[in-house]
Amino acid sequence: MAEKGLTAARAGVLWALFHDGPMTQRALATRLGVTPRNVTGLLDALQEDGLVVREPHPTDRRATLVSLTDEGRSVTSALRGGRDELAALLFADVPPDQLGTFTATLVQVTERLRAASAHGHE
C-alpha cells in the first residue's frame, strides 16, 4: 500500500468500493464505521489521485455516488494480487486442519472486537 501512496484508511475506501460497487458517501461512511466528514477527506485525496469519482446520484439529487475509476480498479486489483501472494507465502505449509482452527479463532476474535467497539470499548 505504501508504494502506491495509500494509507490504511484510503485503502479501506478502495476495498469497499471494489467489493460492494458504487455507493453514496453516507453508505460508505457507514460501511467503514467513520463519520461522513472523515469520508469526505478520504475521498478528496483519492479523487485527486484519480482513483475515485463522485457524481450526482441518479435517483436522489441530495446524494453523491462514489465509484472507482479505471485506475482505482487497477490499483485495487494489484493490491488484491499482492495480498493473495502474501497469504500464499504465509500459509503455504500450514496443514488444512490447523488453518481451519486458525480461521475459526480469527473469526471469533474479530466478532468480539466488533462487539466491544460497538459498545464503546475502543
N, C-alpha and C. Protein backbone atom coordinates (compact mmCIF):
# COMPACT_ATOMS: atom_id res chain seq x y z
N MET A 1 0.82 -1.19 0.00
CA MET A 1 0.00 0.00 0.00
C MET A 1 0.86 1.25 0.00
N ALA A 2 1.94 1.22 0.77
CA ALA A 2 2.78 2.41 0.89
C ALA A 2 3.37 2.82 -0.45
N GLU A 3 3.78 1.84 -1.25
CA GLU A 3 4.37 2.19 -2.54
C GLU A 3 3.34 2.82 -3.49
N LYS A 4 2.08 2.59 -3.23
CA LYS A 4 1.01 3.21 -4.02
C LYS A 4 0.56 4.53 -3.39
N GLY A 5 1.17 4.90 -2.26
CA GLY A 5 0.82 6.15 -1.58
C GLY A 5 -0.50 6.08 -0.84
N LEU A 6 -0.89 4.88 -0.43
CA LEU A 6 -2.18 4.70 0.24
C LEU A 6 -2.01 4.49 1.73
N THR A 7 -2.84 5.16 2.50
CA THR A 7 -2.94 4.87 3.92
C THR A 7 -3.92 3.71 4.08
N ALA A 8 -3.97 3.13 5.26
CA ALA A 8 -4.92 2.05 5.52
C ALA A 8 -6.35 2.54 5.33
N ALA A 9 -6.64 3.76 5.75
CA ALA A 9 -8.00 4.31 5.62
C ALA A 9 -8.38 4.48 4.14
N ARG A 10 -7.46 4.99 3.33
CA ARG A 10 -7.76 5.16 1.90
C ARG A 10 -7.93 3.81 1.22
N ALA A 11 -7.08 2.86 1.59
CA ALA A 11 -7.21 1.51 1.03
C ALA A 11 -8.55 0.91 1.42
N GLY A 12 -9.02 1.19 2.63
CA GLY A 12 -10.33 0.70 3.07
C GLY A 12 -11.45 1.21 2.19
N VAL A 13 -11.37 2.46 1.77
CA VAL A 13 -12.36 3.03 0.86
C VAL A 13 -12.32 2.28 -0.47
N LEU A 14 -11.12 2.07 -0.99
CA LEU A 14 -10.99 1.37 -2.27
C LEU A 14 -11.54 -0.05 -2.19
N TRP A 15 -11.21 -0.75 -1.10
CA TRP A 15 -11.71 -2.12 -0.92
C TRP A 15 -13.22 -2.15 -0.89
N ALA A 16 -13.82 -1.22 -0.13
CA ALA A 16 -15.28 -1.18 -0.01
C ALA A 16 -15.92 -0.98 -1.38
N LEU A 17 -15.40 -0.05 -2.15
CA LEU A 17 -15.96 0.23 -3.47
C LEU A 17 -15.70 -0.93 -4.44
N PHE A 18 -14.55 -1.57 -4.29
CA PHE A 18 -14.18 -2.70 -5.15
C PHE A 18 -15.13 -3.88 -4.91
N HIS A 19 -15.42 -4.15 -3.63
CA HIS A 19 -16.24 -5.31 -3.29
C HIS A 19 -17.74 -5.04 -3.37
N ASP A 20 -18.17 -3.84 -3.00
CA ASP A 20 -19.60 -3.54 -2.93
C ASP A 20 -20.12 -2.68 -4.07
N GLY A 21 -19.22 -2.15 -4.89
CA GLY A 21 -19.63 -1.31 -6.00
C GLY A 21 -19.91 0.12 -5.58
N PRO A 22 -20.36 0.94 -6.53
CA PRO A 22 -20.64 2.34 -6.23
C PRO A 22 -21.64 2.49 -5.09
N MET A 23 -21.43 3.52 -4.28
CA MET A 23 -22.35 3.79 -3.16
C MET A 23 -22.29 5.25 -2.79
N THR A 24 -23.27 5.68 -2.02
CA THR A 24 -23.29 7.07 -1.59
C THR A 24 -22.20 7.29 -0.54
N GLN A 25 -21.86 8.55 -0.35
CA GLN A 25 -20.85 8.86 0.67
C GLN A 25 -21.34 8.43 2.05
N ARG A 26 -22.64 8.61 2.32
CA ARG A 26 -23.19 8.22 3.62
C ARG A 26 -23.09 6.70 3.82
N ALA A 27 -23.44 5.94 2.78
CA ALA A 27 -23.34 4.48 2.87
C ALA A 27 -21.89 4.05 3.06
N LEU A 28 -20.99 4.74 2.39
CA LEU A 28 -19.57 4.44 2.53
C LEU A 28 -19.09 4.71 3.95
N ALA A 29 -19.52 5.82 4.53
CA ALA A 29 -19.16 6.14 5.92
C ALA A 29 -19.67 5.07 6.86
N THR A 30 -20.92 4.64 6.66
CA THR A 30 -21.49 3.58 7.49
C THR A 30 -20.72 2.29 7.32
N ARG A 31 -20.42 1.93 6.09
CA ARG A 31 -19.70 0.68 5.79
C ARG A 31 -18.33 0.66 6.47
N LEU A 32 -17.67 1.83 6.51
CA LEU A 32 -16.33 1.92 7.09
C LEU A 32 -16.34 2.22 8.58
N GLY A 33 -17.50 2.60 9.11
CA GLY A 33 -17.59 2.92 10.54
C GLY A 33 -16.91 4.23 10.89
N VAL A 34 -16.98 5.20 9.97
CA VAL A 34 -16.38 6.51 10.22
C VAL A 34 -17.43 7.59 9.97
N THR A 35 -17.09 8.82 10.30
CA THR A 35 -18.02 9.92 10.11
C THR A 35 -18.07 10.32 8.64
N PRO A 36 -19.20 10.89 8.21
CA PRO A 36 -19.26 11.38 6.82
C PRO A 36 -18.17 12.42 6.53
N ARG A 37 -17.83 13.22 7.51
CA ARG A 37 -16.77 14.21 7.32
C ARG A 37 -15.42 13.53 7.04
N ASN A 38 -15.16 12.45 7.76
CA ASN A 38 -13.92 11.69 7.55
C ASN A 38 -13.89 11.13 6.14
N VAL A 39 -15.02 10.59 5.67
CA VAL A 39 -15.09 10.04 4.32
C VAL A 39 -14.82 11.13 3.29
N THR A 40 -15.34 12.32 3.52
CA THR A 40 -15.12 13.42 2.58
C THR A 40 -13.63 13.69 2.40
N GLY A 41 -12.89 13.72 3.49
CA GLY A 41 -11.45 13.94 3.41
C GLY A 41 -10.74 12.82 2.67
N LEU A 42 -11.13 11.59 2.94
CA LEU A 42 -10.53 10.45 2.25
C LEU A 42 -10.82 10.51 0.76
N LEU A 43 -12.07 10.83 0.43
CA LEU A 43 -12.46 10.89 -0.98
C LEU A 43 -11.79 12.03 -1.71
N ASP A 44 -11.60 13.16 -1.03
CA ASP A 44 -10.89 14.28 -1.66
C ASP A 44 -9.51 13.83 -2.13
N ALA A 45 -8.79 13.12 -1.26
CA ALA A 45 -7.43 12.66 -1.60
C ALA A 45 -7.47 11.61 -2.71
N LEU A 46 -8.40 10.68 -2.62
CA LEU A 46 -8.48 9.62 -3.63
C LEU A 46 -8.92 10.17 -4.98
N GLN A 47 -9.80 11.16 -4.96
CA GLN A 47 -10.23 11.77 -6.22
C GLN A 47 -9.09 12.55 -6.85
N GLU A 48 -8.34 13.25 -6.02
CA GLU A 48 -7.17 13.99 -6.52
C GLU A 48 -6.16 13.07 -7.19
N ASP A 49 -6.05 11.84 -6.64
CA ASP A 49 -5.13 10.84 -7.22
C ASP A 49 -5.74 10.10 -8.40
N GLY A 50 -6.99 10.42 -8.74
CA GLY A 50 -7.64 9.80 -9.89
C GLY A 50 -8.14 8.39 -9.65
N LEU A 51 -8.36 8.02 -8.37
CA LEU A 51 -8.77 6.66 -8.05
C LEU A 51 -10.27 6.50 -7.86
N VAL A 52 -10.96 7.58 -7.51
CA VAL A 52 -12.41 7.55 -7.36
C VAL A 52 -13.01 8.75 -8.07
N VAL A 53 -14.30 8.64 -8.35
CA VAL A 53 -15.04 9.74 -8.94
C VAL A 53 -16.34 9.89 -8.15
N ARG A 54 -16.74 11.15 -7.95
CA ARG A 54 -18.01 11.45 -7.30
C ARG A 54 -18.93 12.09 -8.33
N GLU A 55 -20.14 11.55 -8.42
CA GLU A 55 -21.11 12.05 -9.38
C GLU A 55 -22.46 12.18 -8.69
N PRO A 56 -23.33 13.00 -9.24
CA PRO A 56 -24.68 13.09 -8.66
C PRO A 56 -25.36 11.72 -8.71
N HIS A 57 -26.08 11.40 -7.65
CA HIS A 57 -26.82 10.14 -7.60
C HIS A 57 -27.92 10.19 -8.66
N PRO A 58 -28.13 9.09 -9.40
CA PRO A 58 -29.10 9.13 -10.48
C PRO A 58 -30.56 9.30 -10.03
N THR A 59 -30.88 8.90 -8.79
CA THR A 59 -32.28 8.98 -8.35
C THR A 59 -32.49 9.85 -7.11
N ASP A 60 -31.41 10.25 -6.45
CA ASP A 60 -31.53 11.06 -5.23
C ASP A 60 -30.65 12.30 -5.41
N ARG A 61 -31.27 13.42 -5.73
CA ARG A 61 -30.49 14.61 -6.05
C ARG A 61 -29.72 15.16 -4.86
N ARG A 62 -30.05 14.71 -3.65
CA ARG A 62 -29.32 15.17 -2.46
C ARG A 62 -28.05 14.36 -2.20
N ALA A 63 -27.92 13.24 -2.88
CA ALA A 63 -26.80 12.33 -2.60
C ALA A 63 -25.75 12.37 -3.71
N THR A 64 -24.55 11.98 -3.32
CA THR A 64 -23.43 11.86 -4.26
C THR A 64 -23.04 10.39 -4.32
N LEU A 65 -22.88 9.88 -5.51
CA LEU A 65 -22.49 8.49 -5.72
C LEU A 65 -20.99 8.42 -5.96
N VAL A 66 -20.34 7.54 -5.23
CA VAL A 66 -18.89 7.37 -5.33
C VAL A 66 -18.60 6.04 -6.02
N SER A 67 -17.68 6.06 -6.97
CA SER A 67 -17.28 4.82 -7.63
C SER A 67 -15.79 4.87 -7.96
N LEU A 68 -15.25 3.70 -8.23
CA LEU A 68 -13.85 3.60 -8.63
C LEU A 68 -13.69 4.03 -10.08
N THR A 69 -12.58 4.67 -10.38
CA THR A 69 -12.21 4.93 -11.77
C THR A 69 -11.53 3.67 -12.29
N ASP A 70 -11.20 3.65 -13.56
CA ASP A 70 -10.44 2.51 -14.11
C ASP A 70 -9.12 2.37 -13.37
N GLU A 71 -8.47 3.49 -13.09
CA GLU A 71 -7.21 3.46 -12.34
C GLU A 71 -7.42 2.93 -10.93
N GLY A 72 -8.52 3.32 -10.30
CA GLY A 72 -8.84 2.83 -8.96
C GLY A 72 -9.05 1.33 -8.94
N ARG A 73 -9.74 0.81 -9.95
CA ARG A 73 -9.93 -0.65 -10.06
C ARG A 73 -8.60 -1.35 -10.28
N SER A 74 -7.75 -0.75 -11.10
CA SER A 74 -6.43 -1.33 -11.39
C SER A 74 -5.57 -1.39 -10.13
N VAL A 75 -5.54 -0.29 -9.39
CA VAL A 75 -4.75 -0.24 -8.15
C VAL A 75 -5.28 -1.25 -7.14
N THR A 76 -6.59 -1.32 -7.00
CA THR A 76 -7.18 -2.24 -6.03
C THR A 76 -6.94 -3.69 -6.43
N SER A 77 -7.02 -3.98 -7.72
CA SER A 77 -6.73 -5.34 -8.20
C SER A 77 -5.28 -5.71 -7.90
N ALA A 78 -4.36 -4.76 -8.10
CA ALA A 78 -2.95 -5.01 -7.80
C ALA A 78 -2.74 -5.26 -6.31
N LEU A 79 -3.45 -4.49 -5.47
CA LEU A 79 -3.35 -4.71 -4.02
C LEU A 79 -3.86 -6.10 -3.67
N ARG A 80 -4.95 -6.49 -4.30
CA ARG A 80 -5.52 -7.82 -4.03
C ARG A 80 -4.55 -8.91 -4.44
N GLY A 81 -3.90 -8.73 -5.59
CA GLY A 81 -2.90 -9.71 -6.02
C GLY A 81 -1.76 -9.81 -5.04
N GLY A 82 -1.29 -8.67 -4.52
CA GLY A 82 -0.23 -8.68 -3.52
C GLY A 82 -0.67 -9.34 -2.23
N ARG A 83 -1.91 -9.09 -1.85
CA ARG A 83 -2.46 -9.72 -0.64
C ARG A 83 -2.52 -11.23 -0.81
N ASP A 84 -2.97 -11.68 -1.99
CA ASP A 84 -3.08 -13.12 -2.24
C ASP A 84 -1.70 -13.79 -2.25
N GLU A 85 -0.71 -13.10 -2.84
CA GLU A 85 0.65 -13.65 -2.84
C GLU A 85 1.20 -13.77 -1.43
N LEU A 86 0.96 -12.74 -0.61
CA LEU A 86 1.42 -12.78 0.77
C LEU A 86 0.74 -13.90 1.55
N ALA A 87 -0.56 -14.06 1.36
CA ALA A 87 -1.29 -15.13 2.04
C ALA A 87 -0.73 -16.49 1.64
N ALA A 88 -0.45 -16.67 0.36
CA ALA A 88 0.11 -17.95 -0.10
C ALA A 88 1.47 -18.20 0.54
N LEU A 89 2.28 -17.16 0.65
CA LEU A 89 3.60 -17.30 1.28
C LEU A 89 3.47 -17.63 2.76
N LEU A 90 2.57 -16.95 3.46
CA LEU A 90 2.42 -17.14 4.90
C LEU A 90 1.82 -18.48 5.28
N PHE A 91 0.88 -18.98 4.47
CA PHE A 91 0.12 -20.16 4.86
C PHE A 91 0.39 -21.39 4.00
N ALA A 92 1.38 -21.34 3.13
CA ALA A 92 1.64 -22.43 2.19
C ALA A 92 1.87 -23.78 2.87
N ASP A 93 2.59 -23.79 3.98
CA ASP A 93 2.95 -25.06 4.62
C ASP A 93 2.09 -25.38 5.84
N VAL A 94 1.04 -24.62 6.06
CA VAL A 94 0.18 -24.86 7.21
C VAL A 94 -0.82 -25.96 6.86
N PRO A 95 -0.86 -27.04 7.66
CA PRO A 95 -1.81 -28.12 7.39
C PRO A 95 -3.26 -27.60 7.42
N PRO A 96 -4.13 -28.16 6.59
CA PRO A 96 -5.51 -27.69 6.50
C PRO A 96 -6.26 -27.65 7.83
N ASP A 97 -6.05 -28.64 8.69
CA ASP A 97 -6.77 -28.64 9.97
C ASP A 97 -6.31 -27.48 10.86
N GLN A 98 -5.02 -27.16 10.85
CA GLN A 98 -4.53 -26.03 11.62
C GLN A 98 -5.03 -24.71 11.04
N LEU A 99 -5.07 -24.63 9.72
CA LEU A 99 -5.57 -23.43 9.07
C LEU A 99 -7.04 -23.21 9.39
N GLY A 100 -7.81 -24.30 9.42
CA GLY A 100 -9.22 -24.22 9.78
C GLY A 100 -9.42 -23.71 11.20
N THR A 101 -8.62 -24.22 12.14
CA THR A 101 -8.69 -23.78 13.53
C THR A 101 -8.29 -22.32 13.65
N PHE A 102 -7.23 -21.94 12.96
CA PHE A 102 -6.77 -20.55 12.97
C PHE A 102 -7.86 -19.62 12.44
N THR A 103 -8.46 -19.99 11.32
CA THR A 103 -9.51 -19.17 10.71
C THR A 103 -10.71 -19.03 11.64
N ALA A 104 -11.15 -20.11 12.24
CA ALA A 104 -12.29 -20.06 13.17
C ALA A 104 -11.98 -19.17 14.37
N THR A 105 -10.78 -19.28 14.90
CA THR A 105 -10.37 -18.44 16.02
C THR A 105 -10.32 -16.98 15.62
N LEU A 106 -9.79 -16.70 14.46
CA LEU A 106 -9.70 -15.33 13.97
C LEU A 106 -11.10 -14.72 13.78
N VAL A 107 -12.03 -15.48 13.26
CA VAL A 107 -13.41 -15.01 13.11
C VAL A 107 -14.01 -14.67 14.47
N GLN A 108 -13.79 -15.55 15.45
CA GLN A 108 -14.33 -15.34 16.79
C GLN A 108 -13.74 -14.07 17.42
N VAL A 109 -12.44 -13.89 17.31
CA VAL A 109 -11.78 -12.71 17.88
C VAL A 109 -12.26 -11.44 17.17
N THR A 110 -12.39 -11.50 15.86
CA THR A 110 -12.87 -10.34 15.10
C THR A 110 -14.28 -9.95 15.53
N GLU A 111 -15.16 -10.93 15.71
CA GLU A 111 -16.53 -10.65 16.16
C GLU A 111 -16.53 -10.02 17.55
N ARG A 112 -15.67 -10.48 18.42
CA ARG A 112 -15.58 -9.90 19.76
C ARG A 112 -15.07 -8.46 19.70
N LEU A 113 -14.09 -8.20 18.83
CA LEU A 113 -13.59 -6.84 18.67
C LEU A 113 -14.68 -5.91 18.16
N ARG A 114 -15.45 -6.38 17.19
CA ARG A 114 -16.55 -5.56 16.66
C ARG A 114 -17.59 -5.27 17.74
N ALA A 115 -17.92 -6.29 18.52
CA ALA A 115 -18.91 -6.12 19.59
C ALA A 115 -18.39 -5.14 20.63
N ALA A 116 -17.13 -5.26 21.01
CA ALA A 116 -16.54 -4.36 22.00
C ALA A 116 -16.51 -2.93 21.46
N SER A 117 -16.18 -2.78 20.19
CA SER A 117 -16.14 -1.46 19.58
C SER A 117 -17.53 -0.84 19.53
N ALA A 118 -18.53 -1.64 19.22
CA ALA A 118 -19.91 -1.15 19.15
C ALA A 118 -20.43 -0.72 20.51
N HIS A 119 -19.87 -1.27 21.55
CA HIS A 119 -20.31 -0.93 22.91
C HIS A 119 -19.39 0.09 23.59
N GLY A 120 -18.52 0.71 22.79
CA GLY A 120 -17.68 1.80 23.31
C GLY A 120 -16.44 1.36 24.06
N HIS A 121 -15.98 0.13 23.83
CA HIS A 121 -14.76 -0.35 24.49
C HIS A 121 -13.58 -0.25 23.54
N GLU A 122 -13.36 0.94 22.99
CA GLU A 122 -12.29 1.10 22.00
C GLU A 122 -10.96 1.33 22.64
